[in-house]
PDB file of N, CA and C in Angstrom:
ATOM      1  N   MET A   1     222.243 107.312 -10.898  1.00  0.00           N
ATOM      2  CA  MET A   1     222.965 106.772 -11.591  1.00  0.00           C
ATOM      3  C   MET A   1     224.429 107.175 -11.038  1.00  0.00           C
ATOM      4  N   THR A   2     224.076 107.529 -11.321  1.00  0.00           N
ATOM      5  CA  THR A   2     226.195 107.966 -10.843  1.00  0.00           C
ATOM      6  C   THR A   2     226.026 107.607  -9.090  1.00  0.00           C
ATOM      7  N   GLN A   3     225.478 107.391  -8.595  1.00  0.00           N
ATOM      8  CA  GLN A   3     225.612 107.238  -7.686  1.00  0.00           C
ATOM      9  C   GLN A   3     225.263 105.900  -6.911  1.00  0.00           C
ATOM     10  N   ASP A   4     225.057 105.226  -7.823  1.00  0.00           N
ATOM     11  CA  ASP A   4     225.449 103.661  -7.777  1.00  0.00           C
ATOM     12  C   ASP A   4     226.353 103.161  -8.113  1.00  0.00           C
ATOM     13  N   LYS A   5     226.975 104.047  -9.257  1.00  0.00           N
ATOM     14  CA  LYS A   5     228.569 103.352  -9.923  1.00  0.00           C
ATOM     15  C   LYS A   5     229.109 103.653  -8.792  1.00  0.00           C
ATOM     16  N   THR A   6     229.266 105.314  -8.034  1.00  0.00           N
ATOM     17  CA  THR A   6     229.934 104.949  -6.943  1.00  0.00           C
ATOM     18  C   THR A   6     230.168 104.486  -5.722  1.00  0.00           C
ATOM     19  N   SER A   7     228.842 103.959  -5.189  1.00  0.00           N
ATOM     20  CA  SER A   7     228.721 103.081  -3.830  1.00  0.00           C
ATOM     21  C   SER A   7     229.299 101.644  -4.123  1.00  0.00           C
ATOM     22  N   THR A   8     229.304 101.335  -6.070  1.00  0.00           N
ATOM     23  CA  THR A   8     229.368 100.234  -6.204  1.00  0.00           C
ATOM     24  C   THR A   8     231.082  99.813  -6.434  1.00  0.00           C
ATOM     25  N   LYS A   9     231.553 101.242  -6.473  1.00  0.00           N
ATOM     26  CA  LYS A   9     232.873 101.143  -6.821  1.00  0.00           C
ATOM     27  C   LYS A   9     233.609 101.721  -5.185  1.00  0.00           C
ATOM     28  N   ASP A  10     233.212 102.014  -4.951  1.00  0.00           N
ATOM     29  CA  ASP A  10     233.513 102.091  -2.866  1.00  0.00           C
ATOM     30  C   ASP A  10     233.144 100.819  -2.512  1.00  0.00           C
ATOM     31  N   ALA A  11     232.318  99.643  -2.312  1.00  0.00           N
ATOM     32  CA  ALA A  11     232.360  98.222  -2.060  1.00  0.00           C
ATOM     33  C   ALA A  11     233.133  97.693  -2.842  1.00  0.00           C
ATOM     34  N   SER A  12     233.087  97.818  -3.501  1.00  0.00           N
ATOM     35  CA  SER A  12     234.438  96.921  -4.842  1.00  0.00           C
ATOM     36  C   SER A  12     235.752  97.361  -3.661  1.00  0.00           C
ATOM     37  N   GLY A  13     236.209  98.506  -4.077  1.00  0.00           N
ATOM     38  CA  GLY A  13     237.078  98.828  -3.399  1.00  0.00           C
ATOM     39  C   GLY A  13     237.490  98.755  -1.908  1.00  0.00           C
ATOM     40  N   THR A  14     236.315  98.147  -0.919  1.00  0.00           N
ATOM     41  CA  THR A  14     236.546  97.720   0.312  1.00  0.00           C
ATOM     42  C   THR A  14     236.874  96.720   0.139  1.00  0.00           C
ATOM     43  N   ASP A  15     236.265  95.549  -0.598  1.00  0.00           N
ATOM     44  CA  ASP A  15     235.952  94.429  -0.777  1.00  0.00           C
ATOM     45  C   ASP A  15     237.570  94.392  -1.281  1.00  0.00           C
ATOM     46  N   ASP A  16     238.033  94.622  -1.750  1.00  0.00           N
ATOM     47  CA  ASP A  16     239.406  94.488  -2.728  1.00  0.00           C
ATOM     48  C   ASP A  16     240.252  94.426  -1.062  1.00  0.00           C
ATOM     49  N   PHE A  17     240.029  95.601  -0.426  1.00  0.00           N
ATOM     50  CA  PHE A  17     241.091  95.806   0.875  1.00  0.00           C
ATOM     51  C   PHE A  17     241.148  94.582   1.442  1.00  0.00           C
ATOM     52  N   GLU A  18     239.636  93.972   1.795  1.00  0.00           N
ATOM     53  CA  GLU A  18     239.392  93.765   3.157  1.00  0.00           C
ATOM     54  C   GLU A  18     240.600  91.874   2.217  1.00  0.00           C
ATOM     55  N   LYS A  19     240.118  91.803   1.392  1.00  0.00           N
ATOM     56  CA  LYS A  19     240.603  90.317   0.572  1.00  0.00           C
ATOM     57  C   LYS A  19     241.950  90.455   0.281  1.00  0.00           C
ATOM     58  N   LEU A  20     242.958  91.683   0.253  1.00  0.00           N
ATOM     59  CA  LEU A  20     244.463  91.931   0.610  1.00  0.00           C
ATOM     60  C   LEU A  20     244.641  92.258   1.858  1.00  0.00           C
ATOM     61  N   SER A  21     243.740  92.683   2.692  1.00  0.00           N
ATOM     62  CA  SER A  21     244.279  92.325   4.290  1.00  0.00           C
ATOM     63  C   SER A  21     244.516  90.870   4.500  1.00  0.00           C
ATOM     64  N   GLN A  22     243.065  89.901   4.027  1.00  0.00           N
ATOM     65  CA  GLN A  22     243.416  88.908   4.852  1.00  0.00           C
ATOM     66  C   GLN A  22     244.431  87.836   4.153  1.00  0.00           C
ATOM     67  N   GLN A  23     244.808  88.823   2.849  1.00  0.00           N
ATOM     68  CA  GLN A  23     245.683  87.544   2.022  1.00  0.00           C
ATOM     69  C   GLN A  23     247.362  87.964   2.982  1.00  0.00           C
ATOM     70  N   LEU A  24     247.463  89.610   3.025  1.00  0.00           N
ATOM     71  CA  LEU A  24     248.737  89.799   4.107  1.00  0.00           C
ATOM     72  C   LEU A  24     248.451  89.044   5.023  1.00  0.00           C
ATOM     73  N   THR A  25     247.485  89.030   6.261  1.00  0.00           N
ATOM     74  CA  THR A  25     247.738  88.151   7.401  1.00  0.00           C
ATOM     75  C   THR A  25     248.007  86.291   7.379  1.00  0.00           C
ATOM     76  N   ALA A  26     247.319  85.551   6.714  1.00  0.00           N
ATOM     77  CA  ALA A  26     247.582  84.931   5.845  1.00  0.00           C
ATOM     78  C   ALA A  26     248.823  84.847   5.805  1.00  0.00           C
ATOM     79  N   LEU A  27     249.775  85.081   4.560  1.00  0.00           N
ATOM     80  CA  LEU A  27     250.540  85.540   4.435  1.00  0.00           C
ATOM     81  C   LEU A  27     251.893  85.242   5.235  1.00  0.00           C
ATOM     82  N   ARG A  28     251.809  86.348   6.412  1.00  0.00           N
ATOM     83  CA  ARG A  28     252.706  86.532   7.587  1.00  0.00           C
ATOM     84  C   ARG A  28     252.379  85.114   8.719  1.00  0.00           C
ATOM     85  N   GLU A  29     251.271  84.630   8.890  1.00  0.00           N
ATOM     86  CA  GLU A  29     251.178  83.338   9.165  1.00  0.00           C
ATOM     87  C   GLU A  29     251.963  82.386   8.346  1.00  0.00           C
ATOM     88  N   ASP A  30     251.642  82.179   7.358  1.00  0.00           N
ATOM     89  CA  ASP A  30     252.477  81.361   6.308  1.00  0.00           C
ATOM     90  C   ASP A  30     254.161  81.624   7.072  1.00  0.00           C
ATOM     91  N   MET A  31     254.864  82.842   6.652  1.00  0.00           N
ATOM     92  CA  MET A  31     255.815  83.441   7.123  1.00  0.00           C
ATOM     93  C   MET A  31     256.939  82.502   8.681  1.00  0.00           C
ATOM     94  N   SER A  32     255.779  82.809   9.046  1.00  0.00           N
ATOM     95  CA  SER A  32     256.310  82.519  10.591  1.00  0.00           C
ATOM     96  C   SER A  32     256.386  81.344  10.719  1.00  0.00           C
ATOM     97  N   ARG A  33     255.155  80.810  10.592  1.00  0.00           N
ATOM     98  CA  ARG A  33     255.740  79.061  10.545  1.00  0.00           C
ATOM     99  C   ARG A  33     256.964  78.553   9.445  1.00  0.00           C
ATOM    100  N   LEU A  34     257.134  79.118   8.479  1.00  0.00           N
ATOM    101  CA  LEU A  34     258.622  78.930   7.530  1.00  0.00           C
ATOM    102  C   LEU A  34     259.475  79.208   8.403  1.00  0.00           C
ATOM    103  N   ALA A  35     259.675  80.464   9.124  1.00  0.00           N
ATOM    104  CA  ALA A  35     260.698  80.928  10.282  1.00  0.00           C
ATOM    105  C   ALA A  35     261.154  79.807  10.648  1.00  0.00           C
ATOM    106  N   GLU A  36     259.930  79.248  11.607  1.00  0.00           N
ATOM    107  CA  GLU A  36     259.706  78.370  12.563  1.00  0.00           C
ATOM    108  C   GLU A  36     260.922  76.691  12.377  1.00  0.00           C
ATOM    109  N   THR A  37     260.066  76.393  10.925  1.00  0.00           N
ATOM    110  CA  THR A  37     260.349  75.333  10.489  1.00  0.00           C
ATOM    111  C   THR A  37     261.730  74.870   9.880  1.00  0.00           C
ATOM    112  N   VAL A  38     262.699  76.430   9.643  1.00  0.00           N
ATOM    113  CA  VAL A  38     263.605  76.653   9.103  1.00  0.00           C
ATOM    114  C   VAL A  38     264.943  76.362  10.025  1.00  0.00           C
ATOM    115  N   ALA A  39     264.302  77.708  11.017  1.00  0.00           N
ATOM    116  CA  ALA A  39     265.222  77.289  12.925  1.00  0.00           C
ATOM    117  C   ALA A  39     265.426  75.891  13.097  1.00  0.00           C
ATOM    118  N   GLY A  40     264.071  74.908  13.027  1.00  0.00           N
ATOM    119  CA  GLY A  40     263.862  73.489  13.476  1.00  0.00           C
ATOM    120  C   GLY A  40     265.387  72.901  12.753  1.00  0.00           C
ATOM    121  N   ILE A  41     265.040  72.720  11.852  1.00  0.00           N
ATOM    122  CA  ILE A  41     266.174  72.120  10.586  1.00  0.00           C
ATOM    123  C   ILE A  41     267.643  72.689  11.017  1.00  0.00           C
ATOM    124  N   ALA A  42     268.168  74.257  10.926  1.00  0.00           N
ATOM    125  CA  ALA A  42     268.999  74.198  11.232  1.00  0.00           C
ATOM    126  C   ALA A  42     269.627  74.126  12.893  1.00  0.00           C
ATOM    127  N   GLY A  43     268.721  73.710  13.833  1.00  0.00           N
ATOM    128  CA  GLY A  43     269.054  73.776  14.960  1.00  0.00           C
ATOM    129  C   GLY A  43     269.468  72.132  15.184  1.00  0.00           C
ATOM    130  N   ARG A  44     268.805  70.967  14.599  1.00  0.00           N
ATOM    131  CA  ARG A  44     269.154  69.698  13.766  1.00  0.00           C
ATOM    132  C   ARG A  44     270.312  69.424  13.612  1.00  0.00           C
ATOM    133  N   ARG A  45     270.439  70.217  12.304  1.00  0.00           N
ATOM    134  CA  ARG A  45     271.829  70.169  11.626  1.00  0.00           C
ATOM    135  C   ARG A  45     273.307  71.060  12.189  1.00  0.00           C
ATOM    136  N   GLY A  46     272.434  71.984  12.959  1.00  0.00           N
ATOM    137  CA  GLY A  46     273.944  72.275  14.124  1.00  0.00           C
ATOM    138  C   GLY A  46     274.077  71.596  14.881  1.00  0.00           C
ATOM    139  N   ASN A  47     273.005  70.481  15.814  1.00  0.00           N
ATOM    140  CA  ASN A  47     273.730  69.984  16.473  1.00  0.00           C
ATOM    141  C   ASN A  47     274.234  68.451  16.265  1.00  0.00           C
ATOM    142  N   ALA A  48     273.511  68.187  15.073  1.00  0.00           N
ATOM    143  CA  ALA A  48     275.055  67.057  14.195  1.00  0.00           C
ATOM    144  C   ALA A  48     276.096  67.374  14.238  1.00  0.00           C
ATOM    145  N   MET A  49     276.709  68.804  13.414  1.00  0.00           N
ATOM    146  CA  MET A  49     277.617  69.037  13.147  1.00  0.00           C
ATOM    147  C   MET A  49     278.569  69.357  14.250  1.00  0.00           C
ATOM    148  N   ALA A  50     277.669  69.637  15.604  1.00  0.00           N
ATOM    149  CA  ALA A  50     278.770  70.191  16.793  1.00  0.00           C
ATOM    150  C   ALA A  50     278.806  68.415  17.209  1.00  0.00           C
ATOM    151  N   ALA A  51     278.395  67.336  16.912  1.00  0.00           N
ATOM    152  CA  ALA A  51     278.753  66.285  17.666  1.00  0.00           C
ATOM    153  C   ALA A  51     279.589  65.618  16.859  1.00  0.00           C
ATOM    154  N   ASP A  52     279.909  65.662  15.178  1.00  0.00           N
ATOM    155  CA  ASP A  52     281.080  64.918  14.186  1.00  0.00           C
ATOM    156  C   ASP A  52     281.799  66.057  14.972  1.00  0.00           C
ATOM    157  N   ILE A  53     281.893  67.436  15.309  1.00  0.00           N
ATOM    158  CA  ILE A  53     283.239  67.615  15.447  1.00  0.00           C
ATOM    159  C   ILE A  53     283.491  67.231  16.444  1.00  0.00           C
ATOM    160  N   ALA A  54     282.888  67.177  17.422  1.00  0.00           N
ATOM    161  CA  ALA A  54     283.723  66.492  18.937  1.00  0.00           C
ATOM    162  C   ALA A  54     283.732  65.593  18.557  1.00  0.00           C
ATOM    163  N   GLU A  55     283.265  64.158  17.772  1.00  0.00           N
ATOM    164  CA  GLU A  55     283.709  63.119  17.464  1.00  0.00           C
ATOM    165  C   GLU A  55     285.322  63.177  16.925  1.00  0.00           C
ATOM    166  N   GLY A  56     285.731  63.951  16.039  1.00  0.00           N
ATOM    167  CA  GLY A  56     286.518  64.518  15.142  1.00  0.00           C
ATOM    168  C   GLY A  56     287.758  64.627  16.090  1.00  0.00           C
ATOM    169  N   PHE A  57     286.842  66.113  16.795  1.00  0.00           N
ATOM    170  CA  PHE A  57     288.275  65.629  18.343  1.00  0.00           C
ATOM    171  C   PHE A  57     288.492  64.733  18.856  1.00  0.00           C
ATOM    172  N   ASP A  58     287.878  63.926  19.021  1.00  0.00           N
ATOM    173  CA  ASP A  58     288.384  62.888  20.023  1.00  0.00           C
ATOM    174  C   ASP A  58     289.059  61.827  18.904  1.00  0.00           C
ATOM    175  N   GLU A  59     288.714  61.995  17.992  1.00  0.00           N
ATOM    176  CA  GLU A  59     289.610  60.779  17.113  1.00  0.00           C
ATOM    177  C   GLU A  59     291.368  61.648  16.879  1.00  0.00           C
ATOM    178  N   ALA A  60     291.019  63.011  16.925  1.00  0.00           N
ATOM    179  CA  ALA A  60     292.185  63.472  16.703  1.00  0.00           C
ATOM    180  C   ALA A  60     293.530  63.342  17.502  1.00  0.00           C
ATOM    181  N   LYS A  61     292.824  63.709  19.154  1.00  0.00           N
ATOM    182  CA  LYS A  61     293.076  63.539  20.420  1.00  0.00           C
ATOM    183  C   LYS A  61     294.024  61.490  20.417  1.00  0.00           C
ATOM    184  N   LYS A  62     293.195  60.960  20.391  1.00  0.00           N
ATOM    185  CA  LYS A  62     293.411  59.625  20.313  1.00  0.00           C
ATOM    186  C   LYS A  62     294.257  59.598  19.863  1.00  0.00           C
ATOM    187  N   TYR A  63     294.376  59.967  18.192  1.00  0.00           N
ATOM    188  CA  TYR A  63     295.594  59.628  16.969  1.00  0.00           C
ATOM    189  C   TYR A  63     296.989  60.566  17.782  1.00  0.00           C
ATOM    190  N   THR A  64     296.886  61.299  18.191  1.00  0.00           N
ATOM    191  CA  THR A  64     298.089  62.284  19.024  1.00  0.00           C
ATOM    192  C   THR A  64     298.483  61.381  19.808  1.00  0.00           C
ATOM    193  N   GLU A  65     297.762  61.440  20.818  1.00  0.00           N
ATOM    194  CA  GLU A  65     298.123  60.407  22.369  1.00  0.00           C
ATOM    195  C   GLU A  65     299.157  59.276  21.883  1.00  0.00           C
ATOM    196  N   LYS A  66     298.494  58.496  20.596  1.00  0.00           N
ATOM    197  CA  LYS A  66     298.828  57.266  19.795  1.00  0.00           C
ATOM    198  C   LYS A  66     299.938  57.072  19.228  1.00  0.00           C
ATOM    199  N   THR A  67     300.456  58.671  18.664  1.00  0.00           N
ATOM    200  CA  THR A  67     301.577  59.007  17.868  1.00  0.00           C
ATOM    201  C   THR A  67     302.642  59.181  18.676  1.00  0.00           C
ATOM    202  N   GLY A  68     302.434  59.938  20.007  1.00  0.00           N
ATOM    203  CA  GLY A  68     303.635  60.307  20.756  1.00  0.00           C
ATOM    204  C   GLY A  68     303.881  59.929  21.453  1.00  0.00           C
ATOM    205  N   ARG A  69     303.079  58.438  21.837  1.00  0.00           N
ATOM    206  CA  ARG A  69     303.763  57.602  22.690  1.00  0.00           C
ATOM    207  C   ARG A  69     304.633  56.933  21.710  1.00  0.00           C
ATOM    208  N   SER A  70     304.241  56.474  20.761  1.00  0.00           N
ATOM    209  CA  SER A  70     305.101  55.846  19.725  1.00  0.00           C
ATOM    210  C   SER A  70     306.546  56.932  19.843  1.00  0.00           C
ATOM    211  N   ALA A  71     306.611  57.644  19.434  1.00  0.00           N
ATOM    212  CA  ALA A  71     307.808  58.683  19.063  1.00  0.00           C
ATOM    213  C   ALA A  71     308.350  58.705  20.418  1.00  0.00           C
ATOM    214  N   GLU A  72     307.584  58.546  21.552  1.00  0.00           N
ATOM    215  CA  GLU A  72     308.538  58.581  22.722  1.00  0.00           C
ATOM    216  C   GLU A  72     309.687  57.258  23.207  1.00  0.00           C
ATOM    217  N   ALA A  73     308.670  56.390  22.451  1.00  0.00           N
ATOM    218  CA  ALA A  73     309.127  55.046  22.856  1.00  0.00           C
ATOM    219  C   ALA A  73     311.011  54.900  21.489  1.00  0.00           C
ATOM    220  N   GLN A  74     310.407  55.635  20.630  1.00  0.00           N
ATOM    221  CA  GLN A  74     311.185  55.314  19.382  1.00  0.00           C
ATOM    222  C   GLN A  74     312.493  56.323  19.765  1.00  0.00           C
ATOM    223  N   LEU A  75     312.326  57.266  20.456  1.00  0.00           N
ATOM    224  CA  LEU A  75     313.351  57.871  20.938  1.00  0.00           C
ATOM    225  C   LEU A  75     313.728  57.897  22.092  1.00  0.00           C
ATOM    226  N   GLU A  76     313.406  56.533  23.127  1.00  0.00           N
ATOM    227  CA  GLU A  76     313.799  55.946  24.243  1.00  0.00           C
ATOM    228  C   GLU A  76     315.065  55.275  23.565  1.00  0.00           C
ATOM    229  N   GLY A  77     314.317  54.477  22.904  1.00  0.00           N
ATOM    230  CA  GLY A  77     315.054  53.116  22.410  1.00  0.00           C
ATOM    231  C   GLY A  77     316.469  53.767  21.445  1.00  0.00           C
ATOM    232  N   SER A  78     316.643  54.949  20.635  1.00  0.00           N
ATOM    233  CA  SER A  78     317.530  55.579  20.427  1.00  0.00           C
ATOM    234  C   SER A  78     318.541  55.337  21.083  1.00  0.00           C
ATOM    235  N   VAL A  79     317.810  56.492  22.328  1.00  0.00           N
ATOM    236  CA  VAL A  79     318.972  56.752  23.168  1.00  0.00           C
ATOM    237  C   VAL A  79     319.947  55.918  23.841  1.00  0.00           C
ATOM    238  N   ALA A  80     318.661  55.066  24.302  1.00  0.00           N
ATOM    239  CA  ALA A  80     319.289  53.214  24.967  1.00  0.00           C
ATOM    240  C   ALA A  80     320.631  52.818  24.126  1.00  0.00           C
ATOM    241  N   ALA A  81     320.210  53.055  22.259  1.00  0.00           N
ATOM    242  CA  ALA A  81     320.595  52.424  21.899  1.00  0.00           C
ATOM    243  C   ALA A  81     322.337  52.837  21.009  1.00  0.00           C
ATOM    244  N   HIS A  82     322.387  54.310  21.190  1.00  0.00           N
ATOM    245  CA  HIS A  82     323.514  55.008  21.519  1.00  0.00           C
ATOM    246  C   HIS A  82     323.735  56.121  22.521  1.00  0.00           C
ATOM    247  N   PRO A  83     323.964  55.795  22.995  1.00  0.00           N
ATOM    248  CA  PRO A  83     324.025  57.060  24.532  1.00  0.00           C
ATOM    249  C   PRO A  83     325.038  58.493  24.203  1.00  0.00           C
ATOM    250  N   PHE A  84     326.010  58.061  23.758  1.00  0.00           N
ATOM    251  CA  PHE A  84     326.951  58.820  23.551  1.00  0.00           C
ATOM    252  C   PHE A  84     327.133  59.980  22.833  1.00  0.00           C
ATOM    253  N   LEU A  85     325.941  59.303  21.606  1.00  0.00           N
ATOM    254  CA  LEU A  85     325.392  60.274  20.522  1.00  0.00           C
ATOM    255  C   LEU A  85     324.353  61.460  21.118  1.00  0.00           C
ATOM    256  N   ALA A  86     323.227  60.829  22.106  1.00  0.00           N
ATOM    257  CA  ALA A  86     322.412  61.378  22.474  1.00  0.00           C
ATOM    258  C   ALA A  86     323.137  62.547  23.174  1.00  0.00           C
ATOM    259  N   ILE A  87     324.330  62.351  23.834  1.00  0.00           N
ATOM    260  CA  ILE A  87     324.890  63.467  24.877  1.00  0.00           C
ATOM    261  C   ILE A  87     325.646  64.109  24.330  1.00  0.00           C
ATOM    262  N   GLY A  88     325.970  63.938  23.210  1.00  0.00           N
ATOM    263  CA  GLY A  88     326.874  64.595  22.079  1.00  0.00           C
ATOM    264  C   GLY A  88     325.813  65.849  22.047  1.00  0.00           C
ATOM    265  N   LEU A  89     324.972  65.278  20.896  1.00  0.00           N
ATOM    266  CA  LEU A  89     323.677  66.334  20.359  1.00  0.00           C
ATOM    267  C   LEU A  89     323.659  67.254  21.583  1.00  0.00           C
ATOM    268  N   ALA A  90     323.043  66.290  22.654  1.00  0.00           N
ATOM    269  CA  ALA A  90     322.126  67.371  23.793  1.00  0.00           C
ATOM    270  C   ALA A  90     323.251  68.527  23.963  1.00  0.00           C
ATOM    271  N   ALA A  91     324.834  68.018  24.212  1.00  0.00           N
ATOM    272  CA  ALA A  91     325.352  69.321  24.621  1.00  0.00           C
ATOM    273  C   ALA A  91     325.810  70.254  23.397  1.00  0.00           C
ATOM    274  N   GLY A  92     325.280  69.929  22.203  1.00  0.00           N
ATOM    275  CA  GLY A  92     325.014  70.899  20.730  1.00  0.00           C
ATOM    276  C   GLY A  92     324.606  71.782  21.031  1.00  0.00           C
ATOM    277  N   ALA A  93     323.302  71.377  20.965  1.00  0.00           N
ATOM    278  CA  ALA A  93     322.051  72.124  21.100  1.00  0.00           C
ATOM    279  C   ALA A  93     322.544  72.868  22.185  1.00  0.00           C
ATOM    280  N   GLY A  94     322.203  72.481  23.269  1.00  0.00           N
ATOM    281  CA  GLY A  94     323.219  73.470  24.768  1.00  0.00           C
ATOM    282  C   GLY A  94     323.409  74.953  24.553  1.00  0.00           C
ATOM    283  N   LEU A  95     324.816  73.965  23.321  1.00  0.00           N
ATOM    284  CA  LEU A  95     325.721  75.292  23.283  1.00  0.00           C
ATOM    285  C   LEU A  95     325.503  76.171  22.269  1.00  0.00           C
ATOM    286  N   LEU A  96     324.935  75.974  21.121  1.00  0.00           N
ATOM    287  CA  LEU A  96     324.225  76.400  20.583  1.00  0.00           C
ATOM    288  C   LEU A  96     322.759  77.319  20.692  1.00  0.00           C
ATOM    289  N   ILE A  97     322.460  77.074  21.536  1.00  0.00           N
ATOM    290  CA  ILE A  97     321.466  78.014  22.000  1.00  0.00           C
ATOM    291  C   ILE A  97     321.395  79.117  23.188  1.00  0.00           C
ATOM    292  N   GLY A  98     323.146  79.042  23.772  1.00  0.00           N
ATOM    293  CA  GLY A  98     323.466  79.407  24.510  1.00  0.00           C
ATOM    294  C   GLY A  98     323.962  80.501  24.237  1.00  0.00           C
ATOM    295  N   ALA A  99     324.375  80.470  22.869  1.00  0.00           N
ATOM    296  CA  ALA A  99     325.548  81.202  22.323  1.00  0.00           C
ATOM    297  C   ALA A  99     324.378  82.086  21.409  1.00  0.00           C
ATOM    298  N   LEU A 100     323.767  81.849  20.942  1.00  0.00           N
ATOM    299  CA  LEU A 100     322.300  82.608  20.292  1.00  0.00           C
ATOM    300  C   LEU A 100     321.758  83.367  21.457  1.00  0.00           C
ATOM    301  N   SER A 101     321.463  83.150  22.586  1.00  0.00           N
ATOM    302  CA  SER A 101     320.948  83.965  23.634  1.00  0.00           C
ATOM    303  C   SER A 101     322.206  85.450  24.398  1.00  0.00           C
ATOM    304  N   ARG A 102     323.325  84.802  23.838  1.00  0.00           N
ATOM    305  CA  ARG A 102     324.180  86.222  24.519  1.00  0.00           C
ATOM    306  C   ARG A 102     324.057  87.076  23.230  1.00  0.00           C
ATOM    307  N   ARG A 103     323.593  86.653  22.246  1.00  0.00           N
ATOM    308  CA  ARG A 103     323.165  88.117  21.031  1.00  0.00           C
ATOM    309  C   ARG A 103     322.479  88.696  20.970  1.00  0.00           C
TER     310      ARG A 103
END
């Protein structure tokens, strides 16, 4: 009778090991599919973020070009309206830079 119990325990242990092995295989497959899914989602989100960033840079570029042209036009208008003041400011700035560069 002791042999029957021992062989039953061995068979039960073997069955448990096989079941565990099958479960681990299934778990590995599930993890692999999950990793692929996460990678796909991350890729799509990354592409969407890259497109949003590129669009933001384009908008910033257009804004700075527009603002720069506006500032340039205002500066030209001020110089045209007050030419002697502009020459005096330019001369003063030149003297200041020259004095600072000597030291």
